[in-house]
Amino acid sequence: KINDGFADSNVATVTVNVTLVVTETGDTSDGVCDGDCSLREAIGAAKSRGTIIIPTGTYTLTRAEALTIKKSVTLKGAGSGDTIIQAATSEGVASWRVFVISSGTNVSISGVTIRHGKTSANGGGIYNEGNLSLENSTVSGNTGYKGGGMYDNYGTVTLTNSTVSGNTSSDGGGGMYENQGTVTLTNSTVSGNMASKGGGIYSSGGTVTLTNSTVSGNT
């Protein structure tokens, strides 16, 4: 707030976009993001429309629960080969997702790999109900009932220069399952995923748009 020294009616509120930097790969959660700040702590402490910088490293969710994003934030990794966010150290071990994106949020994630999430529910890697933008990233080695890689539930997903590969669904949408939402892929690849129906992408009542993209080698 900026106060000009006069009456309260003259106090103006200014929104400031705050940038937080993750400083450790451990999955700690003490409620603050200070000199010792995990990814989970940064997500919890981030202000709406803030930015979280995720340096090179492998971030494993040892607290056995997904990273839930309830605010409109931007997550920036160092590159899909350098910033790894994983539910467990290997595929098929976890029983929790990697990310849950809440309804009403605008979330941008770039430069990361999201892997090894597993759930008996929908969306092994990402469960989305908001507006999610995924850029220069990889979603791989995740397992879910519907949407092994990601499940979009009445939300919006935009993939740019990204890859969804090697994910598994026991029902539909090995790579992606779109439910009454909107999915847009640009310069992206969906490959090597497996499901009982819609090995790569399964769409239920929504819209899927692909531009300069590849869907191949799915089962």
Foldseek 3Di string as FASTA:
>chain_A
DDDPPDDPVPDDDDDDAAEAEADDQEQDCPQARDNHHYPLNCLNPGDAAHEYEYEFDERENPVQEEREHDHAYEYEYPAAVGAEQEPDPDAPPGAYEHYEYDAPYHYEYERHEFERAEHAAPARHYEYAEAYEYERHEQERAEYQEARRYEYAQYEYEYELYEFAHAEHAAEARRYEYAAYEYEYENYEFEHGEYPYHQGYHYHNHYYYYYNYYYDHGD
